């Protein structure tokens, strides 16, 4: 495993608002290889996601995001596919559909970039349209023991 910095920039439209919502997070992460996947792990440090642990598993054409903590979930992003997942919140669980409109990954054990464009629905109703850009930069001189 190597140490790095992850930057997550997101845009969300919907959820009862007529305006786009933007967010950005930069924090430390670890990067490694597990079989045919690149694995990135980090902790959320801000707002309602504080102390959630997030793991990204990146393969060509597929990104799986697993989060544990008070907002636990496992989401799968694949081009032109819809996956159903359970999203846990402090108020209870909801089932959501995640449809990936576009996915781009340029990633290896030294970092890279992921672009995702996807929609989230619940009970067949559109909840939000989303775009996420994830960038990971590995610090060459810091290997985890």
N, C-alpha and C. Protein backbone atom coordinates (compact mmCIF):
# COMPACT_ATOMS: atom_id res chain seq x y z
N UNK A 1 0.85 -1.19 0.00
CA UNK A 1 0.00 0.00 0.00
C UNK A 1 0.88 1.24 0.00
N UNK A 2 0.39 2.27 -0.69
CA UNK A 2 1.08 3.55 -0.75
C UNK A 2 0.17 4.63 -0.19
N UNK A 3 0.75 5.68 0.36
CA UNK A 3 -0.01 6.82 0.85
C UNK A 3 -0.23 7.81 -0.27
N UNK A 4 -1.33 8.51 -0.21
CA UNK A 4 -1.62 9.51 -1.23
C UNK A 4 -2.62 10.53 -0.73
N UNK A 5 -3.04 11.38 -1.67
CA UNK A 5 -4.06 12.39 -1.41
C UNK A 5 -5.18 12.16 -2.42
N UNK A 6 -6.40 12.08 -1.92
CA UNK A 6 -7.57 11.95 -2.79
C UNK A 6 -8.34 13.27 -2.77
N UNK A 7 -8.78 13.69 -3.95
CA UNK A 7 -9.64 14.86 -4.08
C UNK A 7 -10.90 14.41 -4.79
N UNK A 8 -12.05 14.66 -4.15
CA UNK A 8 -13.34 14.29 -4.71
C UNK A 8 -14.12 15.58 -4.94
N UNK A 9 -14.45 15.84 -6.20
CA UNK A 9 -15.28 16.99 -6.56
C UNK A 9 -16.59 16.47 -7.10
N UNK A 10 -17.71 16.98 -6.57
CA UNK A 10 -18.99 16.48 -7.03
C UNK A 10 -19.96 17.61 -7.33
N UNK A 11 -20.93 17.28 -8.20
CA UNK A 11 -22.02 18.18 -8.54
C UNK A 11 -23.30 17.36 -8.51
N UNK A 12 -24.32 17.90 -7.85
CA UNK A 12 -25.60 17.22 -7.74
C UNK A 12 -26.70 18.19 -8.14
N UNK A 13 -27.65 17.72 -8.92
CA UNK A 13 -28.80 18.52 -9.29
C UNK A 13 -30.05 17.71 -8.98
N UNK A 14 -30.96 18.30 -8.27
CA UNK A 14 -32.20 17.60 -7.91
C UNK A 14 -32.40 17.61 -6.43
N UNK A 15 -33.17 16.68 -5.95
CA UNK A 15 -33.42 16.59 -4.52
C UNK A 15 -34.25 17.74 -3.99
N UNK A 16 -35.15 18.28 -4.83
CA UNK A 16 -36.02 19.36 -4.38
C UNK A 16 -35.43 20.75 -4.56
N UNK A 17 -34.22 20.83 -5.07
CA UNK A 17 -33.58 22.13 -5.28
C UNK A 17 -33.52 22.42 -6.78
N UNK A 18 -33.66 23.68 -7.14
CA UNK A 18 -33.54 24.07 -8.54
C UNK A 18 -32.13 24.45 -8.92
N UNK A 19 -31.19 24.37 -7.98
CA UNK A 19 -29.82 24.77 -8.23
C UNK A 19 -28.87 23.60 -8.03
N UNK A 20 -27.77 23.63 -8.79
CA UNK A 20 -26.73 22.63 -8.61
C UNK A 20 -26.08 22.81 -7.24
N UNK A 21 -25.72 21.69 -6.64
CA UNK A 21 -24.96 21.71 -5.40
C UNK A 21 -23.58 21.15 -5.70
N UNK A 22 -22.56 21.82 -5.19
CA UNK A 22 -21.18 21.40 -5.43
C UNK A 22 -20.52 21.04 -4.11
N UNK A 23 -19.59 20.10 -4.15
CA UNK A 23 -18.82 19.74 -2.98
C UNK A 23 -17.40 19.37 -3.36
N UNK A 24 -16.50 19.49 -2.42
CA UNK A 24 -15.12 19.08 -2.65
C UNK A 24 -14.53 18.59 -1.34
N UNK A 25 -13.79 17.50 -1.43
CA UNK A 25 -13.10 16.90 -0.29
C UNK A 25 -11.69 16.54 -0.71
N UNK A 26 -10.71 16.92 0.06
CA UNK A 26 -9.33 16.46 -0.12
C UNK A 26 -8.87 15.90 1.21
N UNK A 27 -8.32 14.69 1.17
CA UNK A 27 -7.87 14.05 2.39
C UNK A 27 -6.83 12.98 2.05
N UNK A 28 -6.21 12.44 3.06
CA UNK A 28 -5.21 11.39 2.84
C UNK A 28 -5.91 10.08 2.51
N UNK A 29 -5.20 9.21 1.81
CA UNK A 29 -5.74 7.92 1.43
C UNK A 29 -4.61 6.91 1.32
N UNK A 30 -4.98 5.65 1.16
CA UNK A 30 -4.02 4.61 0.82
C UNK A 30 -4.44 4.02 -0.52
N UNK A 31 -3.45 3.59 -1.29
CA UNK A 31 -3.69 3.01 -2.61
C UNK A 31 -2.93 1.70 -2.71
N UNK A 32 -3.57 0.67 -3.23
CA UNK A 32 -2.91 -0.62 -3.40
C UNK A 32 -3.58 -1.44 -4.48
N UNK A 33 -3.08 -2.62 -4.69
CA UNK A 33 -3.61 -3.54 -5.70
C UNK A 33 -4.17 -4.76 -4.98
N UNK A 34 -5.37 -5.18 -5.40
CA UNK A 34 -5.99 -6.39 -4.87
C UNK A 34 -6.52 -7.17 -6.08
N UNK A 35 -5.78 -8.18 -6.50
CA UNK A 35 -6.16 -8.93 -7.70
C UNK A 35 -6.10 -8.06 -8.93
N UNK A 36 -7.24 -7.92 -9.61
CA UNK A 36 -7.28 -7.08 -10.81
C UNK A 36 -7.88 -5.70 -10.54
N UNK A 37 -7.96 -5.31 -9.27
CA UNK A 37 -8.51 -4.00 -8.89
C UNK A 37 -7.47 -3.13 -8.20
N UNK A 38 -7.60 -1.83 -8.43
CA UNK A 38 -6.87 -0.84 -7.64
C UNK A 38 -7.81 -0.48 -6.50
N UNK A 39 -7.29 -0.44 -5.28
CA UNK A 39 -8.11 -0.17 -4.10
C UNK A 39 -7.63 1.12 -3.44
N UNK A 40 -8.57 2.04 -3.23
CA UNK A 40 -8.29 3.31 -2.57
C UNK A 40 -9.16 3.37 -1.32
N UNK A 41 -8.55 3.67 -0.17
CA UNK A 41 -9.28 3.77 1.10
C UNK A 41 -9.03 5.14 1.73
N UNK A 42 -10.12 5.73 2.25
CA UNK A 42 -9.99 7.02 2.93
C UNK A 42 -11.13 7.21 3.92
N UNK A 43 -10.95 8.17 4.82
CA UNK A 43 -11.98 8.53 5.79
C UNK A 43 -12.53 9.89 5.46
N UNK A 44 -13.86 10.00 5.54
CA UNK A 44 -14.52 11.30 5.37
C UNK A 44 -14.21 12.11 6.63
N UNK A 45 -13.96 13.39 6.45
CA UNK A 45 -13.55 14.20 7.60
C UNK A 45 -14.46 15.38 7.88
N UNK A 46 -15.51 15.56 7.07
CA UNK A 46 -16.31 16.77 7.20
C UNK A 46 -17.80 16.48 7.21
N UNK A 47 -18.53 17.42 7.75
CA UNK A 47 -19.98 17.45 7.72
C UNK A 47 -20.60 16.15 8.24
N UNK A 48 -21.74 15.78 7.68
CA UNK A 48 -22.48 14.62 8.18
C UNK A 48 -21.80 13.30 7.88
N UNK A 49 -20.81 13.29 6.99
CA UNK A 49 -20.09 12.05 6.64
C UNK A 49 -18.89 11.81 7.56
N UNK A 50 -18.68 12.68 8.54
CA UNK A 50 -17.51 12.58 9.41
C UNK A 50 -17.35 11.16 9.94
N UNK A 51 -16.15 10.65 9.82
CA UNK A 51 -15.70 9.34 10.29
C UNK A 51 -16.20 8.15 9.46
N UNK A 52 -16.89 8.41 8.34
CA UNK A 52 -17.25 7.30 7.45
C UNK A 52 -15.99 6.83 6.74
N UNK A 53 -15.83 5.54 6.64
CA UNK A 53 -14.71 4.94 5.92
C UNK A 53 -15.19 4.57 4.52
N UNK A 54 -14.44 4.99 3.50
CA UNK A 54 -14.82 4.72 2.11
C UNK A 54 -13.72 3.93 1.42
N UNK A 55 -14.14 2.92 0.66
CA UNK A 55 -13.22 2.10 -0.13
C UNK A 55 -13.70 2.11 -1.57
N UNK A 56 -12.80 2.48 -2.49
CA UNK A 56 -13.08 2.43 -3.93
C UNK A 56 -12.32 1.25 -4.52
N UNK A 57 -13.02 0.41 -5.28
CA UNK A 57 -12.37 -0.68 -6.01
C UNK A 57 -12.53 -0.35 -7.49
N UNK A 58 -11.40 -0.15 -8.18
CA UNK A 58 -11.41 0.35 -9.54
C UNK A 58 -10.89 -0.72 -10.49
N UNK A 59 -11.71 -1.07 -11.46
CA UNK A 59 -11.35 -1.97 -12.55
C UNK A 59 -11.66 -1.22 -13.84
N UNK A 60 -11.16 -1.71 -14.94
CA UNK A 60 -11.51 -1.11 -16.22
C UNK A 60 -13.02 -1.18 -16.42
N UNK A 61 -13.66 -0.03 -16.55
CA UNK A 61 -15.09 0.00 -16.82
C UNK A 61 -16.00 -0.19 -15.63
N UNK A 62 -15.45 -0.30 -14.43
CA UNK A 62 -16.28 -0.54 -13.24
C UNK A 62 -15.63 0.08 -12.00
N UNK A 63 -16.44 0.79 -11.23
CA UNK A 63 -15.99 1.34 -9.96
C UNK A 63 -17.01 0.92 -8.90
N UNK A 64 -16.53 0.33 -7.82
CA UNK A 64 -17.38 -0.04 -6.69
C UNK A 64 -16.99 0.83 -5.51
N UNK A 65 -17.98 1.50 -4.91
CA UNK A 65 -17.74 2.33 -3.73
C UNK A 65 -18.44 1.69 -2.55
N UNK A 66 -17.66 1.36 -1.51
CA UNK A 66 -18.22 0.79 -0.29
C UNK A 66 -17.93 1.76 0.85
N UNK A 67 -18.98 2.14 1.55
CA UNK A 67 -18.81 3.08 2.66
C UNK A 67 -19.38 2.45 3.91
N UNK A 68 -18.66 2.61 5.03
CA UNK A 68 -19.17 2.16 6.31
C UNK A 68 -19.20 3.34 7.26
N UNK A 69 -20.07 3.28 8.23
CA UNK A 69 -20.28 4.39 9.15
C UNK A 69 -21.77 4.69 9.20
N UNK A 70 -22.12 5.92 9.55
CA UNK A 70 -23.55 6.21 9.68
C UNK A 70 -24.26 6.36 8.34
N UNK A 71 -23.52 6.40 7.23
CA UNK A 71 -24.10 6.38 5.88
C UNK A 71 -23.48 5.23 5.10
N UNK A 72 -23.78 4.01 5.51
CA UNK A 72 -23.20 2.82 4.89
C UNK A 72 -23.90 2.50 3.57
N UNK A 73 -23.11 2.08 2.58
CA UNK A 73 -23.67 1.69 1.29
C UNK A 73 -22.62 0.95 0.49
N UNK A 74 -23.06 0.34 -0.58
CA UNK A 74 -22.17 -0.25 -1.57
C UNK A 74 -22.80 0.08 -2.92
N UNK A 75 -22.12 0.94 -3.71
CA UNK A 75 -22.64 1.35 -5.01
C UNK A 75 -21.70 0.84 -6.11
N UNK A 76 -22.32 0.36 -7.19
CA UNK A 76 -21.55 -0.11 -8.34
C UNK A 76 -21.85 0.80 -9.52
N UNK A 77 -20.79 1.26 -10.17
CA UNK A 77 -20.91 2.14 -11.33
C UNK A 77 -20.35 1.41 -12.55
N UNK A 78 -21.22 1.15 -13.53
CA UNK A 78 -20.83 0.53 -14.80
C UNK A 78 -21.58 1.25 -15.92
N UNK A 79 -20.90 1.50 -17.02
CA UNK A 79 -21.47 2.23 -18.15
C UNK A 79 -22.82 1.66 -18.57
N UNK A 80 -23.84 2.53 -18.61
CA UNK A 80 -25.18 2.20 -19.10
C UNK A 80 -25.84 1.04 -18.34
N UNK A 81 -25.51 0.90 -17.06
CA UNK A 81 -26.15 -0.13 -16.23
C UNK A 81 -26.73 0.50 -14.98
N UNK A 82 -27.82 -0.11 -14.50
CA UNK A 82 -28.47 0.33 -13.28
C UNK A 82 -28.29 -0.76 -12.23
N UNK A 83 -27.82 -0.35 -11.06
CA UNK A 83 -27.65 -1.26 -9.94
C UNK A 83 -28.50 -0.76 -8.77
N UNK A 84 -29.09 -1.68 -8.06
CA UNK A 84 -29.88 -1.37 -6.87
C UNK A 84 -29.00 -1.54 -5.65
N UNK A 85 -29.07 -0.59 -4.73
CA UNK A 85 -28.28 -0.73 -3.50
C UNK A 85 -29.07 -0.21 -2.31
N UNK A 86 -28.64 -0.65 -1.16
CA UNK A 86 -29.21 -0.21 0.10
C UNK A 86 -28.34 0.92 0.64
N UNK A 87 -28.97 2.02 0.99
CA UNK A 87 -28.25 3.18 1.51
C UNK A 87 -28.73 3.41 2.93
N UNK A 88 -27.82 3.22 3.89
CA UNK A 88 -28.18 3.39 5.30
C UNK A 88 -27.96 4.84 5.72
N UNK A 89 -28.92 5.38 6.46
CA UNK A 89 -28.80 6.72 7.02
C UNK A 89 -29.12 6.64 8.50
N UNK A 90 -28.86 7.69 9.26
CA UNK A 90 -29.24 7.68 10.67
C UNK A 90 -30.76 7.54 10.88
N UNK A 91 -31.54 7.76 9.81
CA UNK A 91 -33.00 7.72 9.91
C UNK A 91 -33.59 6.41 9.41
N UNK A 92 -32.74 5.52 8.89
CA UNK A 92 -33.20 4.23 8.38
C UNK A 92 -32.59 3.94 7.02
N UNK A 93 -32.97 2.80 6.46
CA UNK A 93 -32.43 2.35 5.18
C UNK A 93 -33.38 2.71 4.04
N UNK A 94 -32.80 3.03 2.88
CA UNK A 94 -33.59 3.22 1.68
C UNK A 94 -32.94 2.43 0.54
N UNK A 95 -33.76 1.96 -0.36
CA UNK A 95 -33.25 1.29 -1.55
C UNK A 95 -33.21 2.32 -2.67
N UNK A 96 -32.06 2.41 -3.34
CA UNK A 96 -31.93 3.35 -4.43
C UNK A 96 -31.39 2.65 -5.68
N UNK A 97 -31.72 3.20 -6.82
CA UNK A 97 -31.16 2.74 -8.08
C UNK A 97 -30.08 3.70 -8.52
N UNK A 98 -28.97 3.17 -8.97
CA UNK A 98 -27.86 3.99 -9.46
C UNK A 98 -27.63 3.61 -10.92
N UNK A 99 -27.90 4.58 -11.83
CA UNK A 99 -27.71 4.35 -13.26
C UNK A 99 -26.53 5.19 -13.73
N UNK A 100 -25.51 4.52 -14.27
CA UNK A 100 -24.30 5.21 -14.71
C UNK A 100 -24.43 5.58 -16.18
N UNK A 101 -24.49 6.88 -16.43
CA UNK A 101 -24.56 7.39 -17.81
C UNK A 101 -23.20 7.35 -18.48
N UNK A 102 -22.15 7.68 -17.72
CA UNK A 102 -20.80 7.72 -18.29
C UNK A 102 -19.79 7.41 -17.20
N UNK A 103 -18.74 6.69 -17.58
CA UNK A 103 -17.67 6.35 -16.66
C UNK A 103 -16.34 6.43 -17.42
N UNK A 104 -15.35 7.03 -16.77
CA UNK A 104 -14.01 7.10 -17.34
C UNK A 104 -13.03 6.83 -16.20
N UNK A 105 -12.13 5.87 -16.40
CA UNK A 105 -11.10 5.60 -15.40
C UNK A 105 -9.74 5.57 -16.09
N UNK A 106 -8.80 6.25 -15.51
CA UNK A 106 -7.39 6.20 -15.94
C UNK A 106 -6.61 6.07 -14.64
N UNK A 107 -6.41 4.84 -14.20
CA UNK A 107 -5.95 4.59 -12.84
C UNK A 107 -4.96 3.44 -12.80
N UNK A 108 -3.96 3.56 -11.93
CA UNK A 108 -3.06 2.45 -11.62
C UNK A 108 -2.62 2.60 -10.18
N UNK A 109 -1.67 1.78 -9.75
CA UNK A 109 -1.26 1.79 -8.33
C UNK A 109 -0.57 3.09 -7.92
N UNK A 110 -0.30 3.97 -8.86
CA UNK A 110 0.32 5.27 -8.55
C UNK A 110 -0.68 6.41 -8.60
N UNK A 111 -1.97 6.08 -8.71
CA UNK A 111 -3.00 7.11 -8.71
C UNK A 111 -3.68 7.23 -10.04
N UNK A 112 -4.42 8.31 -10.20
CA UNK A 112 -5.12 8.52 -11.46
C UNK A 112 -6.37 9.34 -11.26
N UNK A 113 -7.30 9.18 -12.23
CA UNK A 113 -8.53 9.97 -12.22
C UNK A 113 -9.72 9.09 -12.59
N UNK A 114 -10.86 9.42 -12.01
CA UNK A 114 -12.14 8.76 -12.30
C UNK A 114 -13.16 9.86 -12.54
N UNK A 115 -13.94 9.73 -13.62
CA UNK A 115 -15.08 10.60 -13.88
C UNK A 115 -16.32 9.73 -13.91
N UNK A 116 -17.35 10.11 -13.16
CA UNK A 116 -18.61 9.39 -13.14
C UNK A 116 -19.76 10.37 -13.37
N UNK A 117 -20.69 10.00 -14.22
CA UNK A 117 -21.95 10.74 -14.38
C UNK A 117 -23.05 9.71 -14.18
N UNK A 118 -23.95 9.96 -13.23
CA UNK A 118 -24.96 8.97 -12.88
C UNK A 118 -26.20 9.62 -12.30
N UNK A 119 -27.29 8.87 -12.32
CA UNK A 119 -28.52 9.32 -11.68
C UNK A 119 -28.83 8.39 -10.51
N UNK A 120 -29.56 8.93 -9.56
CA UNK A 120 -30.05 8.14 -8.43
C UNK A 120 -31.57 8.25 -8.44
N UNK A 121 -32.22 7.09 -8.31
CA UNK A 121 -33.68 7.07 -8.23
C UNK A 121 -34.11 6.28 -7.01
N UNK A 122 -35.32 6.54 -6.57
CA UNK A 122 -35.92 5.80 -5.47
C UNK A 122 -37.37 5.54 -5.84
N UNK A 123 -37.79 4.30 -5.76
CA UNK A 123 -39.15 3.90 -6.16
C UNK A 123 -39.46 4.34 -7.59
N UNK A 124 -38.46 4.34 -8.45
CA UNK A 124 -38.66 4.69 -9.85
C UNK A 124 -38.67 6.18 -10.13
N UNK A 125 -38.60 7.02 -9.09
CA UNK A 125 -38.60 8.47 -9.27
C UNK A 125 -37.18 9.01 -9.20
N UNK A 126 -36.85 9.89 -10.13
CA UNK A 126 -35.52 10.51 -10.15
C UNK A 126 -35.30 11.33 -8.88
N UNK A 127 -34.19 11.07 -8.21
CA UNK A 127 -33.83 11.81 -7.00
C UNK A 127 -32.80 12.88 -7.34
N UNK A 128 -31.76 12.49 -8.10
CA UNK A 128 -30.73 13.47 -8.44
C UNK A 128 -29.91 13.01 -9.64
N UNK A 129 -29.33 14.01 -10.32
CA UNK A 129 -28.34 13.78 -11.36
C UNK A 129 -27.01 14.17 -10.75
N UNK A 130 -25.95 13.37 -10.99
CA UNK A 130 -24.70 13.55 -10.27
C UNK A 130 -23.50 13.43 -11.20
N UNK A 131 -22.47 14.19 -10.91
CA UNK A 131 -21.18 14.06 -11.57
C UNK A 131 -20.12 14.08 -10.48
N UNK A 132 -19.17 13.17 -10.59
CA UNK A 132 -18.08 13.11 -9.62
C UNK A 132 -16.77 12.98 -10.38
N UNK A 133 -15.79 13.75 -9.95
CA UNK A 133 -14.41 13.60 -10.45
C UNK A 133 -13.54 13.29 -9.24
N UNK A 134 -12.85 12.16 -9.30
CA UNK A 134 -11.97 11.72 -8.22
C UNK A 134 -10.55 11.69 -8.76
N UNK A 135 -9.65 12.36 -8.06
CA UNK A 135 -8.24 12.38 -8.43
C UNK A 135 -7.43 11.87 -7.25
N UNK A 136 -6.51 10.96 -7.52
CA UNK A 136 -5.63 10.43 -6.47
C UNK A 136 -4.19 10.64 -6.91
N UNK A 137 -3.41 11.26 -6.03
CA UNK A 137 -1.98 11.44 -6.26
C UNK A 137 -1.23 10.69 -5.17
N UNK A 138 -0.39 9.74 -5.59
CA UNK A 138 0.40 8.95 -4.64
C UNK A 138 1.68 9.71 -4.32
N UNK A 139 2.03 9.69 -3.05
CA UNK A 139 3.30 10.26 -2.61
C UNK A 139 4.36 9.17 -2.77
N UNK A 140 5.19 9.32 -3.76
CA UNK A 140 6.16 8.28 -4.15
C UNK A 140 7.03 7.80 -2.99
N UNK A 141 7.36 8.70 -2.06
CA UNK A 141 8.32 8.34 -1.01
C UNK A 141 7.67 7.77 0.25
N UNK A 142 6.34 7.55 0.22
CA UNK A 142 5.69 7.07 1.43
C UNK A 142 4.93 5.76 1.15
N UNK A 143 5.53 4.67 1.52
CA UNK A 143 4.89 3.36 1.39
C UNK A 143 4.45 2.91 2.76
N UNK A 144 3.19 2.48 2.86
CA UNK A 144 2.65 2.01 4.14
C UNK A 144 3.28 0.69 4.51
N UNK A 145 3.48 0.49 5.78
CA UNK A 145 4.04 -0.77 6.27
C UNK A 145 2.93 -1.67 6.75
